[in-house]
Amino acid sequence: MMFDRRLLLTLAAASALAGPALAAPVVGQPAPAFSAVDADGRTRSLADFKGKTVVLEWTNNGCPYVQKHYNSGNMQGLQKQATADGVVWLTLISSAPGFQGYLTGPQARQWKAKVGAASSDVLLDPKGTVGRAYGARATPHMFVIDRAGKLVYMGGIDDQPTPDPDSLKVAKNYVTAALADVKAGRAVARAATAPYGCSVKYSSAD
């Protein structure tokens, strides 16, 4: 009995050190409101894009799973296709200062230009406020918000949870499928999947 109690206390302590649990929003419900400063120093909010379909993409330029999608041009292709269709694509960086993937505004602009990202904007979330509001756990972790402001998809970018770029040849892209359903006025067929990638580098002090 004493052993069980000590084990429970150890697990509780480990959980506390890992930081607060991330409660994911609910598909079919209004997407959590947020505001964040973008790479150009402007404050942007979800309300700015009312009436638009919005994609949220959590990223970390040091993550091999993210690199799979950017080094291959896959992510840029998805961004170009979506934005050409009127979708607002927001790339979010929730890495805390001193952690992998953290970028200042000028660094984020430089990174976006270097990789040729076609997202509508890059939002900086160094305190993890937006990431925690959405329960973002991985990079990339993807969310789709419809024109009514409801969350209609959250999860992985595709069904290939590996950093191997060859996997893209056989990948089923969940974000593309969700956007097609939204455009056609259909309910998203697969509204939630398991995200994969590197953990979001939140600061344990926040």
N, C-alpha and C. Protein backbone atom coordinates (compact mmCIF):
# COMPACT_ATOMS: atom_id res chain seq x y z
N MET A 1 0.83 -1.21 0.00
CA MET A 1 0.00 0.00 0.00
C MET A 1 0.86 1.25 0.00
N MET A 2 1.93 1.24 0.82
CA MET A 2 2.85 2.37 0.87
C MET A 2 3.52 2.58 -0.49
N PHE A 3 3.88 1.49 -1.18
CA PHE A 3 4.52 1.58 -2.49
C PHE A 3 3.58 2.26 -3.48
N ASP A 4 2.29 1.87 -3.47
CA ASP A 4 1.33 2.46 -4.38
C ASP A 4 1.19 3.96 -4.14
N ARG A 5 1.18 4.33 -2.87
CA ARG A 5 1.02 5.74 -2.55
C ARG A 5 2.23 6.54 -3.04
N ARG A 6 3.41 5.99 -2.84
CA ARG A 6 4.62 6.69 -3.31
C ARG A 6 4.64 6.79 -4.82
N LEU A 7 4.18 5.74 -5.48
CA LEU A 7 4.14 5.76 -6.94
C LEU A 7 3.19 6.84 -7.43
N LEU A 8 2.04 6.95 -6.80
CA LEU A 8 1.08 7.97 -7.20
C LEU A 8 1.64 9.36 -6.99
N LEU A 9 2.35 9.56 -5.86
CA LEU A 9 2.94 10.87 -5.58
C LEU A 9 4.03 11.20 -6.60
N THR A 10 4.80 10.19 -6.99
CA THR A 10 5.85 10.40 -7.99
C THR A 10 5.26 10.79 -9.33
N LEU A 11 4.20 10.09 -9.73
CA LEU A 11 3.54 10.40 -11.00
C LEU A 11 2.92 11.80 -10.97
N ALA A 12 2.35 12.17 -9.85
CA ALA A 12 1.76 13.50 -9.73
C ALA A 12 2.82 14.58 -9.85
N ALA A 13 3.98 14.34 -9.21
CA ALA A 13 5.07 15.31 -9.27
C ALA A 13 5.59 15.44 -10.69
N ALA A 14 5.72 14.30 -11.37
CA ALA A 14 6.20 14.33 -12.76
C ALA A 14 5.23 15.09 -13.64
N SER A 15 3.94 14.90 -13.40
CA SER A 15 2.93 15.61 -14.18
C SER A 15 3.01 17.11 -13.97
N ALA A 16 3.26 17.50 -12.71
CA ALA A 16 3.36 18.92 -12.40
C ALA A 16 4.57 19.54 -13.08
N LEU A 17 5.69 18.80 -13.10
CA LEU A 17 6.90 19.31 -13.74
C LEU A 17 6.72 19.44 -15.24
N ALA A 18 5.88 18.60 -15.81
CA ALA A 18 5.67 18.63 -17.25
C ALA A 18 4.83 19.81 -17.70
N GLY A 19 4.23 20.51 -16.72
CA GLY A 19 3.43 21.67 -17.06
C GLY A 19 1.95 21.32 -17.07
N PRO A 20 1.09 22.32 -17.22
CA PRO A 20 -0.35 22.10 -17.17
C PRO A 20 -0.82 21.26 -18.35
N ALA A 21 -1.83 20.44 -18.09
CA ALA A 21 -2.41 19.62 -19.16
C ALA A 21 -3.07 20.53 -20.19
N LEU A 22 -3.01 20.14 -21.44
CA LEU A 22 -3.59 20.94 -22.50
C LEU A 22 -4.96 20.39 -22.85
N ALA A 23 -5.99 21.18 -22.59
CA ALA A 23 -7.36 20.76 -22.89
C ALA A 23 -7.71 21.22 -24.30
N ALA A 24 -7.94 20.26 -25.17
CA ALA A 24 -8.24 20.59 -26.56
C ALA A 24 -9.63 21.21 -26.68
N PRO A 25 -9.81 22.13 -27.63
CA PRO A 25 -11.14 22.66 -27.89
C PRO A 25 -12.01 21.57 -28.50
N VAL A 26 -13.27 21.87 -28.73
CA VAL A 26 -14.23 20.87 -29.17
C VAL A 26 -14.63 21.12 -30.62
N VAL A 27 -14.51 20.09 -31.44
CA VAL A 27 -14.96 20.19 -32.83
C VAL A 27 -16.46 20.48 -32.86
N GLY A 28 -16.84 21.40 -33.72
CA GLY A 28 -18.25 21.78 -33.83
C GLY A 28 -18.63 22.95 -32.96
N GLN A 29 -17.72 23.36 -32.07
CA GLN A 29 -17.95 24.50 -31.19
C GLN A 29 -17.13 25.69 -31.69
N PRO A 30 -17.46 26.91 -31.25
CA PRO A 30 -16.67 28.07 -31.67
C PRO A 30 -15.19 27.89 -31.33
N ALA A 31 -14.33 28.25 -32.27
CA ALA A 31 -12.89 28.16 -32.04
C ALA A 31 -12.49 29.18 -30.97
N PRO A 32 -11.56 28.84 -30.10
CA PRO A 32 -11.13 29.79 -29.07
C PRO A 32 -10.63 31.10 -29.68
N ALA A 33 -11.11 32.20 -29.13
CA ALA A 33 -10.64 33.51 -29.59
C ALA A 33 -9.20 33.71 -29.14
N PHE A 34 -8.44 34.47 -29.91
CA PHE A 34 -7.06 34.74 -29.54
C PHE A 34 -6.57 35.99 -30.22
N SER A 35 -5.48 36.54 -29.68
CA SER A 35 -4.73 37.59 -30.36
C SER A 35 -3.26 37.32 -30.13
N ALA A 36 -2.45 37.68 -31.11
CA ALA A 36 -1.01 37.45 -31.02
C ALA A 36 -0.31 38.45 -31.94
N VAL A 37 0.93 38.73 -31.63
CA VAL A 37 1.73 39.63 -32.45
C VAL A 37 2.34 38.83 -33.60
N ASP A 38 2.27 39.39 -34.81
CA ASP A 38 2.84 38.67 -35.94
C ASP A 38 4.31 39.04 -36.13
N ALA A 39 4.93 38.45 -37.14
CA ALA A 39 6.36 38.65 -37.37
C ALA A 39 6.71 40.09 -37.72
N ASP A 40 5.71 40.88 -38.12
CA ASP A 40 5.91 42.29 -38.44
C ASP A 40 5.58 43.21 -37.27
N GLY A 41 5.23 42.62 -36.13
CA GLY A 41 4.95 43.43 -34.95
C GLY A 41 3.51 43.89 -34.82
N ARG A 42 2.63 43.43 -35.71
CA ARG A 42 1.22 43.81 -35.65
C ARG A 42 0.45 42.83 -34.77
N THR A 43 -0.51 43.33 -34.02
CA THR A 43 -1.38 42.44 -33.24
C THR A 43 -2.51 41.97 -34.13
N ARG A 44 -2.62 40.66 -34.26
CA ARG A 44 -3.67 40.05 -35.08
C ARG A 44 -4.56 39.21 -34.17
N SER A 45 -5.82 39.12 -34.50
CA SER A 45 -6.74 38.31 -33.72
C SER A 45 -7.56 37.44 -34.66
N LEU A 46 -8.14 36.39 -34.11
CA LEU A 46 -8.99 35.52 -34.92
C LEU A 46 -10.18 36.31 -35.46
N ALA A 47 -10.64 37.30 -34.68
CA ALA A 47 -11.78 38.12 -35.11
C ALA A 47 -11.48 38.90 -36.38
N ASP A 48 -10.20 39.15 -36.66
CA ASP A 48 -9.83 39.86 -37.89
C ASP A 48 -10.27 39.11 -39.14
N PHE A 49 -10.45 37.81 -39.00
CA PHE A 49 -10.72 36.96 -40.17
C PHE A 49 -12.14 36.39 -40.14
N LYS A 50 -13.03 37.13 -39.49
CA LYS A 50 -14.43 36.71 -39.42
C LYS A 50 -14.99 36.52 -40.82
N GLY A 51 -15.69 35.42 -41.03
CA GLY A 51 -16.27 35.13 -42.33
C GLY A 51 -15.33 34.41 -43.27
N LYS A 52 -14.11 34.12 -42.82
CA LYS A 52 -13.13 33.41 -43.64
C LYS A 52 -12.87 32.02 -43.05
N THR A 53 -12.53 31.09 -43.92
CA THR A 53 -12.01 29.81 -43.44
C THR A 53 -10.57 30.04 -43.02
N VAL A 54 -10.19 29.50 -41.86
CA VAL A 54 -8.86 29.74 -41.30
C VAL A 54 -8.20 28.41 -40.98
N VAL A 55 -6.93 28.29 -41.37
CA VAL A 55 -6.11 27.15 -40.97
C VAL A 55 -5.06 27.65 -39.97
N LEU A 56 -4.91 26.93 -38.87
CA LEU A 56 -3.85 27.18 -37.91
C LEU A 56 -2.83 26.06 -38.01
N GLU A 57 -1.59 26.42 -38.16
CA GLU A 57 -0.49 25.45 -38.30
C GLU A 57 0.58 25.75 -37.25
N TRP A 58 0.77 24.84 -36.31
CA TRP A 58 1.85 25.03 -35.33
C TRP A 58 3.16 24.52 -35.92
N THR A 59 4.21 25.32 -35.78
CA THR A 59 5.47 24.95 -36.41
C THR A 59 6.66 25.14 -35.47
N ASN A 60 7.78 24.53 -35.84
CA ASN A 60 9.06 24.62 -35.12
C ASN A 60 10.12 24.27 -36.16
N ASN A 61 10.89 25.27 -36.58
CA ASN A 61 11.80 25.05 -37.70
C ASN A 61 12.92 24.05 -37.41
N GLY A 62 13.11 23.70 -36.13
CA GLY A 62 14.13 22.71 -35.79
C GLY A 62 13.61 21.29 -35.69
N CYS A 63 12.32 21.12 -35.90
CA CYS A 63 11.69 19.80 -35.76
C CYS A 63 11.79 19.01 -37.06
N PRO A 64 12.30 17.77 -37.02
CA PRO A 64 12.43 16.99 -38.26
C PRO A 64 11.09 16.68 -38.94
N TYR A 65 10.03 16.62 -38.18
CA TYR A 65 8.71 16.38 -38.79
C TYR A 65 8.27 17.61 -39.58
N VAL A 66 8.53 18.79 -39.03
CA VAL A 66 8.24 20.03 -39.75
C VAL A 66 9.14 20.14 -40.97
N GLN A 67 10.40 19.80 -40.81
CA GLN A 67 11.36 19.88 -41.92
C GLN A 67 10.95 18.96 -43.06
N LYS A 68 10.36 17.81 -42.73
CA LYS A 68 9.87 16.91 -43.79
C LYS A 68 8.92 17.65 -44.72
N HIS A 69 8.01 18.41 -44.14
CA HIS A 69 6.99 19.08 -44.95
C HIS A 69 7.51 20.33 -45.64
N TYR A 70 8.46 21.03 -45.01
CA TYR A 70 8.98 22.25 -45.63
C TYR A 70 10.12 21.97 -46.61
N ASN A 71 11.03 21.07 -46.26
CA ASN A 71 12.15 20.78 -47.16
C ASN A 71 11.68 20.14 -48.47
N SER A 72 10.56 19.43 -48.40
CA SER A 72 10.00 18.79 -49.60
C SER A 72 9.13 19.75 -50.42
N GLY A 73 8.77 20.88 -49.81
CA GLY A 73 7.85 21.81 -50.47
C GLY A 73 6.39 21.46 -50.26
N ASN A 74 6.12 20.41 -49.50
CA ASN A 74 4.74 19.97 -49.29
C ASN A 74 3.91 21.02 -48.56
N MET A 75 4.46 21.58 -47.48
CA MET A 75 3.70 22.56 -46.70
C MET A 75 3.44 23.82 -47.52
N GLN A 76 4.46 24.27 -48.24
CA GLN A 76 4.28 25.47 -49.06
C GLN A 76 3.23 25.25 -50.14
N GLY A 77 3.21 24.04 -50.71
CA GLY A 77 2.20 23.72 -51.72
C GLY A 77 0.79 23.76 -51.15
N LEU A 78 0.64 23.22 -49.95
CA LEU A 78 -0.67 23.25 -49.30
C LEU A 78 -1.10 24.68 -49.00
N GLN A 79 -0.14 25.49 -48.51
CA GLN A 79 -0.44 26.89 -48.20
C GLN A 79 -0.87 27.65 -49.45
N LYS A 80 -0.14 27.47 -50.54
CA LYS A 80 -0.46 28.17 -51.78
C LYS A 80 -1.84 27.77 -52.30
N GLN A 81 -2.13 26.48 -52.26
CA GLN A 81 -3.42 26.00 -52.73
C GLN A 81 -4.55 26.58 -51.88
N ALA A 82 -4.36 26.58 -50.57
CA ALA A 82 -5.41 27.06 -49.67
C ALA A 82 -5.62 28.57 -49.80
N THR A 83 -4.55 29.34 -49.78
CA THR A 83 -4.69 30.79 -49.83
C THR A 83 -5.23 31.26 -51.19
N ALA A 84 -4.88 30.53 -52.24
CA ALA A 84 -5.43 30.86 -53.56
C ALA A 84 -6.94 30.65 -53.60
N ASP A 85 -7.42 29.82 -52.68
CA ASP A 85 -8.85 29.52 -52.60
C ASP A 85 -9.55 30.42 -51.58
N GLY A 86 -8.82 31.42 -51.06
CA GLY A 86 -9.42 32.37 -50.13
C GLY A 86 -9.29 32.01 -48.67
N VAL A 87 -8.57 30.95 -48.36
CA VAL A 87 -8.37 30.53 -46.98
C VAL A 87 -7.27 31.38 -46.34
N VAL A 88 -7.46 31.73 -45.08
CA VAL A 88 -6.42 32.41 -44.30
C VAL A 88 -5.60 31.34 -43.59
N TRP A 89 -4.30 31.32 -43.85
CA TRP A 89 -3.43 30.30 -43.26
C TRP A 89 -2.47 30.99 -42.29
N LEU A 90 -2.61 30.67 -41.02
CA LEU A 90 -1.79 31.28 -39.98
C LEU A 90 -0.81 30.25 -39.41
N THR A 91 0.47 30.54 -39.52
CA THR A 91 1.51 29.70 -38.95
C THR A 91 1.86 30.24 -37.58
N LEU A 92 1.80 29.39 -36.57
CA LEU A 92 2.06 29.82 -35.19
C LEU A 92 3.32 29.19 -34.64
N ILE A 93 4.09 30.01 -33.92
CA ILE A 93 5.30 29.54 -33.26
C ILE A 93 5.10 29.74 -31.76
N SER A 94 4.95 28.63 -31.03
CA SER A 94 4.73 28.70 -29.59
C SER A 94 5.95 28.28 -28.79
N SER A 95 7.10 28.13 -29.46
CA SER A 95 8.33 27.81 -28.73
C SER A 95 8.70 28.98 -27.83
N ALA A 96 9.06 28.68 -26.59
CA ALA A 96 9.45 29.72 -25.63
C ALA A 96 10.90 30.15 -25.88
N PRO A 97 11.27 31.35 -25.45
CA PRO A 97 12.65 31.80 -25.60
C PRO A 97 13.63 30.79 -24.98
N GLY A 98 14.67 30.49 -25.72
CA GLY A 98 15.66 29.53 -25.25
C GLY A 98 15.34 28.09 -25.62
N PHE A 99 14.19 27.86 -26.22
CA PHE A 99 13.78 26.51 -26.61
C PHE A 99 13.86 26.37 -28.13
N GLN A 100 13.96 25.11 -28.57
CA GLN A 100 14.04 24.83 -30.00
C GLN A 100 12.86 25.45 -30.74
N GLY A 101 13.17 26.14 -31.84
CA GLY A 101 12.13 26.70 -32.68
C GLY A 101 11.73 28.12 -32.36
N TYR A 102 12.22 28.67 -31.24
CA TYR A 102 11.88 30.05 -30.90
C TYR A 102 12.47 31.00 -31.93
N LEU A 103 11.65 31.95 -32.39
CA LEU A 103 12.11 32.94 -33.34
C LEU A 103 11.57 34.31 -32.94
N THR A 104 12.40 35.33 -33.09
CA THR A 104 11.94 36.70 -32.95
C THR A 104 11.21 37.09 -34.24
N GLY A 105 10.62 38.26 -34.25
CA GLY A 105 9.94 38.72 -35.45
C GLY A 105 10.84 38.74 -36.68
N PRO A 106 12.01 39.41 -36.60
CA PRO A 106 12.90 39.42 -37.77
C PRO A 106 13.36 38.03 -38.18
N GLN A 107 13.62 37.17 -37.19
CA GLN A 107 14.03 35.80 -37.51
C GLN A 107 12.90 35.03 -38.19
N ALA A 108 11.67 35.27 -37.75
CA ALA A 108 10.52 34.59 -38.36
C ALA A 108 10.34 35.06 -39.81
N ARG A 109 10.52 36.34 -40.06
CA ARG A 109 10.42 36.83 -41.44
C ARG A 109 11.51 36.22 -42.31
N GLN A 110 12.71 36.11 -41.75
CA GLN A 110 13.84 35.53 -42.49
C GLN A 110 13.57 34.06 -42.79
N TRP A 111 13.07 33.33 -41.81
CA TRP A 111 12.75 31.91 -42.00
C TRP A 111 11.67 31.74 -43.06
N LYS A 112 10.62 32.56 -43.00
CA LYS A 112 9.53 32.45 -43.96
C LYS A 112 10.04 32.67 -45.38
N ALA A 113 10.91 33.68 -45.55
CA ALA A 113 11.46 33.95 -46.87
C ALA A 113 12.38 32.83 -47.33
N LYS A 114 13.17 32.30 -46.42
CA LYS A 114 14.13 31.25 -46.77
C LYS A 114 13.44 29.99 -47.28
N VAL A 115 12.36 29.59 -46.60
CA VAL A 115 11.68 28.35 -47.00
C VAL A 115 10.60 28.59 -48.04
N GLY A 116 10.32 29.86 -48.33
CA GLY A 116 9.28 30.16 -49.31
C GLY A 116 7.88 29.84 -48.82
N ALA A 117 7.66 30.02 -47.53
CA ALA A 117 6.33 29.75 -46.97
C ALA A 117 5.30 30.68 -47.59
N ALA A 118 4.12 30.15 -47.85
CA ALA A 118 3.05 30.94 -48.47
C ALA A 118 1.88 31.14 -47.51
N SER A 119 2.13 31.03 -46.21
CA SER A 119 1.08 31.27 -45.24
C SER A 119 0.69 32.75 -45.25
N SER A 120 -0.51 33.05 -44.80
CA SER A 120 -0.98 34.43 -44.78
C SER A 120 -0.21 35.26 -43.77
N ASP A 121 0.20 34.65 -42.69
CA ASP A 121 0.92 35.37 -41.64
C ASP A 121 1.59 34.38 -40.71
N VAL A 122 2.63 34.85 -40.01
CA VAL A 122 3.30 34.07 -38.98
C VAL A 122 3.04 34.76 -37.65
N LEU A 123 2.45 34.05 -36.71
CA LEU A 123 2.12 34.61 -35.41
C LEU A 123 3.07 34.07 -34.35
N LEU A 124 3.53 34.95 -33.47
CA LEU A 124 4.48 34.58 -32.43
C LEU A 124 3.75 34.42 -31.10
N ASP A 125 3.96 33.28 -30.47
CA ASP A 125 3.24 32.92 -29.23
C ASP A 125 4.24 32.42 -28.19
N PRO A 126 5.25 33.23 -27.84
CA PRO A 126 6.34 32.74 -26.98
C PRO A 126 5.89 32.35 -25.57
N LYS A 127 4.78 32.87 -25.10
CA LYS A 127 4.28 32.47 -23.78
C LYS A 127 3.35 31.27 -23.86
N GLY A 128 3.06 30.82 -25.08
CA GLY A 128 2.22 29.62 -25.25
C GLY A 128 0.75 29.85 -24.99
N THR A 129 0.31 31.09 -24.95
CA THR A 129 -1.09 31.38 -24.63
C THR A 129 -2.04 30.80 -25.66
N VAL A 130 -1.74 31.04 -26.93
CA VAL A 130 -2.62 30.54 -27.99
C VAL A 130 -2.49 29.03 -28.10
N GLY A 131 -1.28 28.53 -28.01
CA GLY A 131 -1.06 27.09 -28.09
C GLY A 131 -1.82 26.33 -27.03
N ARG A 132 -1.78 26.83 -25.81
CA ARG A 132 -2.49 26.15 -24.73
C ARG A 132 -4.00 26.28 -24.89
N ALA A 133 -4.47 27.40 -25.42
CA ALA A 133 -5.91 27.56 -25.64
C ALA A 133 -6.44 26.52 -26.62
N TYR A 134 -5.59 26.13 -27.57
CA TYR A 134 -5.99 25.13 -28.57
C TYR A 134 -5.53 23.72 -28.23
N GLY A 135 -4.81 23.57 -27.13
CA GLY A 135 -4.32 22.24 -26.79
C GLY A 135 -3.30 21.74 -27.79
N ALA A 136 -2.56 22.67 -28.43
CA ALA A 136 -1.56 22.27 -29.43
C ALA A 136 -0.45 21.49 -28.75
N ARG A 137 -0.20 20.29 -29.24
CA ARG A 137 0.76 19.40 -28.60
C ARG A 137 1.96 19.07 -29.48
N ALA A 138 1.83 19.27 -30.78
CA ALA A 138 2.87 18.79 -31.68
C ALA A 138 3.15 19.81 -32.78
N THR A 139 4.30 19.65 -33.40
CA THR A 139 4.60 20.43 -34.61
C THR A 139 4.91 19.43 -35.72
N PRO A 140 4.05 19.45 -36.77
CA PRO A 140 2.89 20.34 -36.95
C PRO A 140 1.62 19.80 -36.28
N HIS A 141 0.83 20.69 -35.70
CA HIS A 141 -0.51 20.37 -35.21
C HIS A 141 -1.42 21.31 -35.97
N MET A 142 -2.48 20.78 -36.57
CA MET A 142 -3.29 21.53 -37.52
C MET A 142 -4.73 21.69 -37.04
N PHE A 143 -5.29 22.86 -37.33
CA PHE A 143 -6.68 23.16 -36.99
C PHE A 143 -7.32 23.89 -38.17
N VAL A 144 -8.59 23.58 -38.43
CA VAL A 144 -9.35 24.27 -39.48
C VAL A 144 -10.60 24.86 -38.84
N ILE A 145 -10.81 26.14 -39.11
CA ILE A 145 -11.96 26.88 -38.59
C ILE A 145 -12.81 27.32 -39.77
N ASP A 146 -14.10 27.07 -39.73
CA ASP A 146 -14.93 27.41 -40.88
C ASP A 146 -15.35 28.88 -40.87
N ARG A 147 -16.10 29.28 -41.88
CA ARG A 147 -16.48 30.69 -42.03
C ARG A 147 -17.39 31.18 -40.91
N ALA A 148 -18.05 30.24 -40.22
CA ALA A 148 -18.91 30.62 -39.09
C ALA A 148 -18.13 30.71 -37.79
N GLY A 149 -16.83 30.45 -37.86
CA GLY A 149 -16.00 30.54 -36.66
C GLY A 149 -15.97 29.28 -35.83
N LYS A 150 -16.47 28.18 -36.39
CA LYS A 150 -16.47 26.92 -35.65
C LYS A 150 -15.26 26.07 -36.03
N LEU A 151 -14.75 25.37 -35.04
CA LEU A 151 -13.64 24.45 -35.28
C LEU A 151 -14.20 23.20 -35.96
N VAL A 152 -13.67 22.89 -37.14
CA VAL A 152 -14.21 21.74 -37.89
C VAL A 152 -13.18 20.64 -38.09
N TYR A 153 -11.92 20.93 -37.82
CA TYR A 153 -10.90 19.88 -37.89
C TYR A 153 -9.77 20.21 -36.92
N MET A 154 -9.23 19.16 -36.27
CA MET A 154 -8.02 19.31 -35.47
C MET A 154 -7.28 17.99 -35.45
N GLY A 155 -5.95 18.07 -35.56
CA GLY A 155 -5.17 16.84 -35.51
C GLY A 155 -3.93 16.90 -36.37
N GLY A 156 -3.57 15.76 -36.91
CA GLY A 156 -2.37 15.64 -37.73
C GLY A 156 -2.57 16.22 -39.11
N ILE A 157 -1.46 16.51 -39.76
CA ILE A 157 -1.54 17.02 -41.12
C ILE A 157 -1.88 15.91 -42.11
N ASP A 158 -1.44 14.68 -41.78
CA ASP A 158 -1.74 13.54 -42.65
C ASP A 158 -1.66 12.26 -41.84
N ASP A 159 -1.71 11.13 -42.53
CA ASP A 159 -1.75 9.83 -41.86
C ASP A 159 -0.39 9.13 -41.85
N GLN A 160 0.70 9.89 -41.99
CA GLN A 160 2.04 9.30 -42.02
C GLN A 160 2.90 9.89 -40.90
N PRO A 161 2.81 9.37 -39.69
CA PRO A 161 3.52 9.94 -38.54
C PRO A 161 5.01 9.57 -38.51
N THR A 162 5.73 10.06 -39.49
CA THR A 162 7.16 9.78 -39.61
C THR A 162 7.84 11.01 -40.20
N PRO A 163 9.13 11.22 -39.89
CA PRO A 163 9.85 12.34 -40.50
C PRO A 163 10.41 12.01 -41.88
N ASP A 164 10.16 10.80 -42.38
CA ASP A 164 10.68 10.37 -43.67
C ASP A 164 9.91 11.05 -44.81
N PRO A 165 10.57 11.87 -45.63
CA PRO A 165 9.86 12.56 -46.71
C PRO A 165 9.26 11.62 -47.75
N ASP A 166 9.79 10.41 -47.87
CA ASP A 166 9.21 9.45 -48.82
C ASP A 166 7.78 9.09 -48.47
N SER A 167 7.41 9.28 -47.19
CA SER A 167 6.05 8.95 -46.76
C SER A 167 5.01 9.85 -47.41
N LEU A 168 5.45 11.02 -47.90
CA LEU A 168 4.51 11.95 -48.53
C LEU A 168 3.92 11.37 -49.81
N LYS A 169 4.62 10.42 -50.41
CA LYS A 169 4.14 9.82 -51.67
C LYS A 169 2.85 9.04 -51.46
N VAL A 170 2.64 8.55 -50.24
CA VAL A 170 1.45 7.73 -49.98
C VAL A 170 0.54 8.36 -48.92
N ALA A 171 0.85 9.60 -48.53
CA ALA A 171 0.12 10.23 -47.43
C ALA A 171 -1.29 10.64 -47.84
N LYS A 172 -2.22 10.47 -46.91
CA LYS A 172 -3.56 11.03 -47.05
C LYS A 172 -3.57 12.30 -46.23
N ASN A 173 -3.73 13.46 -46.90
CA ASN A 173 -3.66 14.73 -46.20
C ASN A 173 -5.03 15.09 -45.61
N TYR A 174 -5.09 15.13 -44.30
CA TYR A 174 -6.35 15.41 -43.62
C TYR A 174 -6.78 16.87 -43.76
N VAL A 175 -5.82 17.78 -43.83
CA VAL A 175 -6.16 19.20 -43.94
C VAL A 175 -6.77 19.50 -45.30
N THR A 176 -6.16 18.97 -46.36
CA THR A 176 -6.71 19.14 -47.70
C THR A 176 -8.13 18.59 -47.78
N ALA A 177 -8.33 17.42 -47.20
CA ALA A 177 -9.66 16.80 -47.22
C ALA A 177 -10.67 17.65 -46.44
N ALA A 178 -10.25 18.18 -45.30
CA ALA A 178 -11.15 19.02 -44.49
C ALA A 178 -11.52 20.29 -45.24
N LEU A 179 -10.55 20.91 -45.89
CA LEU A 179 -10.83 22.14 -46.63
C LEU A 179 -11.76 21.88 -47.81
N ALA A 180 -11.60 20.73 -48.45
CA ALA A 180 -12.49 20.37 -49.56
C ALA A 180 -13.93 20.21 -49.06
N ASP A 181 -14.08 19.58 -47.90
CA ASP A 181 -15.42 19.40 -47.33
C ASP A 181 -16.03 20.76 -46.99
N VAL A 182 -15.24 21.63 -46.38
CA VAL A 182 -15.73 22.96 -46.01
C VAL A 182 -16.16 23.74 -47.26
N LYS A 183 -15.34 23.70 -48.28
CA LYS A 183 -15.66 24.42 -49.52
C LYS A 183 -16.94 23.92 -50.16
N ALA A 184 -17.16 22.61 -50.06
CA ALA A 184 -18.36 22.01 -50.66
C ALA A 184 -19.59 22.14 -49.77
N GLY A 185 -19.41 22.69 -48.57
CA GLY A 185 -20.55 22.84 -47.66
C GLY A 185 -20.93 21.56 -46.95
N ARG A 186 -19.99 20.60 -46.95
CA ARG A 186 -20.25 19.33 -46.28
C ARG A 186 -19.66 19.34 -44.87
N ALA A 187 -20.18 18.46 -44.02
CA ALA A 187 -19.53 18.23 -42.73
C ALA A 187 -18.19 17.57 -42.99
N VAL A 188 -17.19 17.93 -42.24
CA VAL A 188 -15.86 17.33 -42.43
C VAL A 188 -15.94 15.86 -42.06
N ALA A 189 -15.57 15.01 -43.00
CA ALA A 189 -15.72 13.56 -42.83
C ALA A 189 -14.88 13.03 -41.67
N ARG A 190 -13.66 13.52 -41.56
CA ARG A 190 -12.80 13.10 -40.46
C ARG A 190 -12.36 14.34 -39.72
N ALA A 191 -13.06 14.64 -38.64
CA ALA A 191 -12.92 15.94 -37.98
C ALA A 191 -11.82 15.97 -36.92
N ALA A 192 -11.35 14.83 -36.47
CA ALA A 192 -10.31 14.81 -35.44
C ALA A 192 -9.41 13.59 -35.65
N THR A 193 -8.11 13.83 -35.63
CA THR A 193 -7.14 12.75 -35.74
C THR A 193 -6.03 13.00 -34.71
N ALA A 194 -5.17 12.02 -34.56
CA ALA A 194 -4.06 12.17 -33.62
C ALA A 194 -2.94 13.00 -34.26
N PRO A 195 -2.52 14.09 -33.61
CA PRO A 195 -1.40 14.85 -34.15
C PRO A 195 -0.10 14.10 -33.95
N TYR A 196 0.88 14.37 -34.81
CA TYR A 196 2.19 13.76 -34.63
C TYR A 196 3.26 14.80 -34.89
N GLY A 197 4.46 14.55 -34.38
CA GLY A 197 5.57 15.46 -34.58
C GLY A 197 6.34 15.67 -33.29
N CYS A 198 7.09 16.76 -33.24
CA CYS A 198 7.81 17.12 -32.02
C CYS A 198 6.85 17.79 -31.03
N SER A 199 7.15 17.68 -29.77
CA SER A 199 6.31 18.36 -28.78
C SER A 199 6.48 19.87 -28.94
N VAL A 200 5.40 20.61 -28.66
CA VAL A 200 5.50 22.07 -28.66
C VAL A 200 6.37 22.47 -27.48
N LYS A 201 7.33 23.34 -27.74
CA LYS A 201 8.33 23.68 -26.71
C LYS A 201 7.87 24.83 -25.81
N TYR A 202 6.85 24.53 -25.00
CA TYR A 202 6.36 25.50 -24.04
C TYR A 202 7.38 25.68 -22.91
N SER A 203 7.39 26.86 -22.32
CA SER A 203 8.20 27.07 -21.14
C SER A 203 7.49 26.49 -19.93
N SER A 204 8.20 25.70 -19.14
CA SER A 204 7.58 25.10 -17.94
C SER A 204 7.29 26.14 -16.89
N ALA A 205 7.86 27.35 -17.04
CA ALA A 205 7.66 28.40 -16.06
C ALA A 205 6.35 29.14 -16.28
N ASP A 206 5.77 29.00 -17.47
CA ASP A 206 4.53 29.71 -17.80
C ASP A 206 3.31 28.96 -17.28
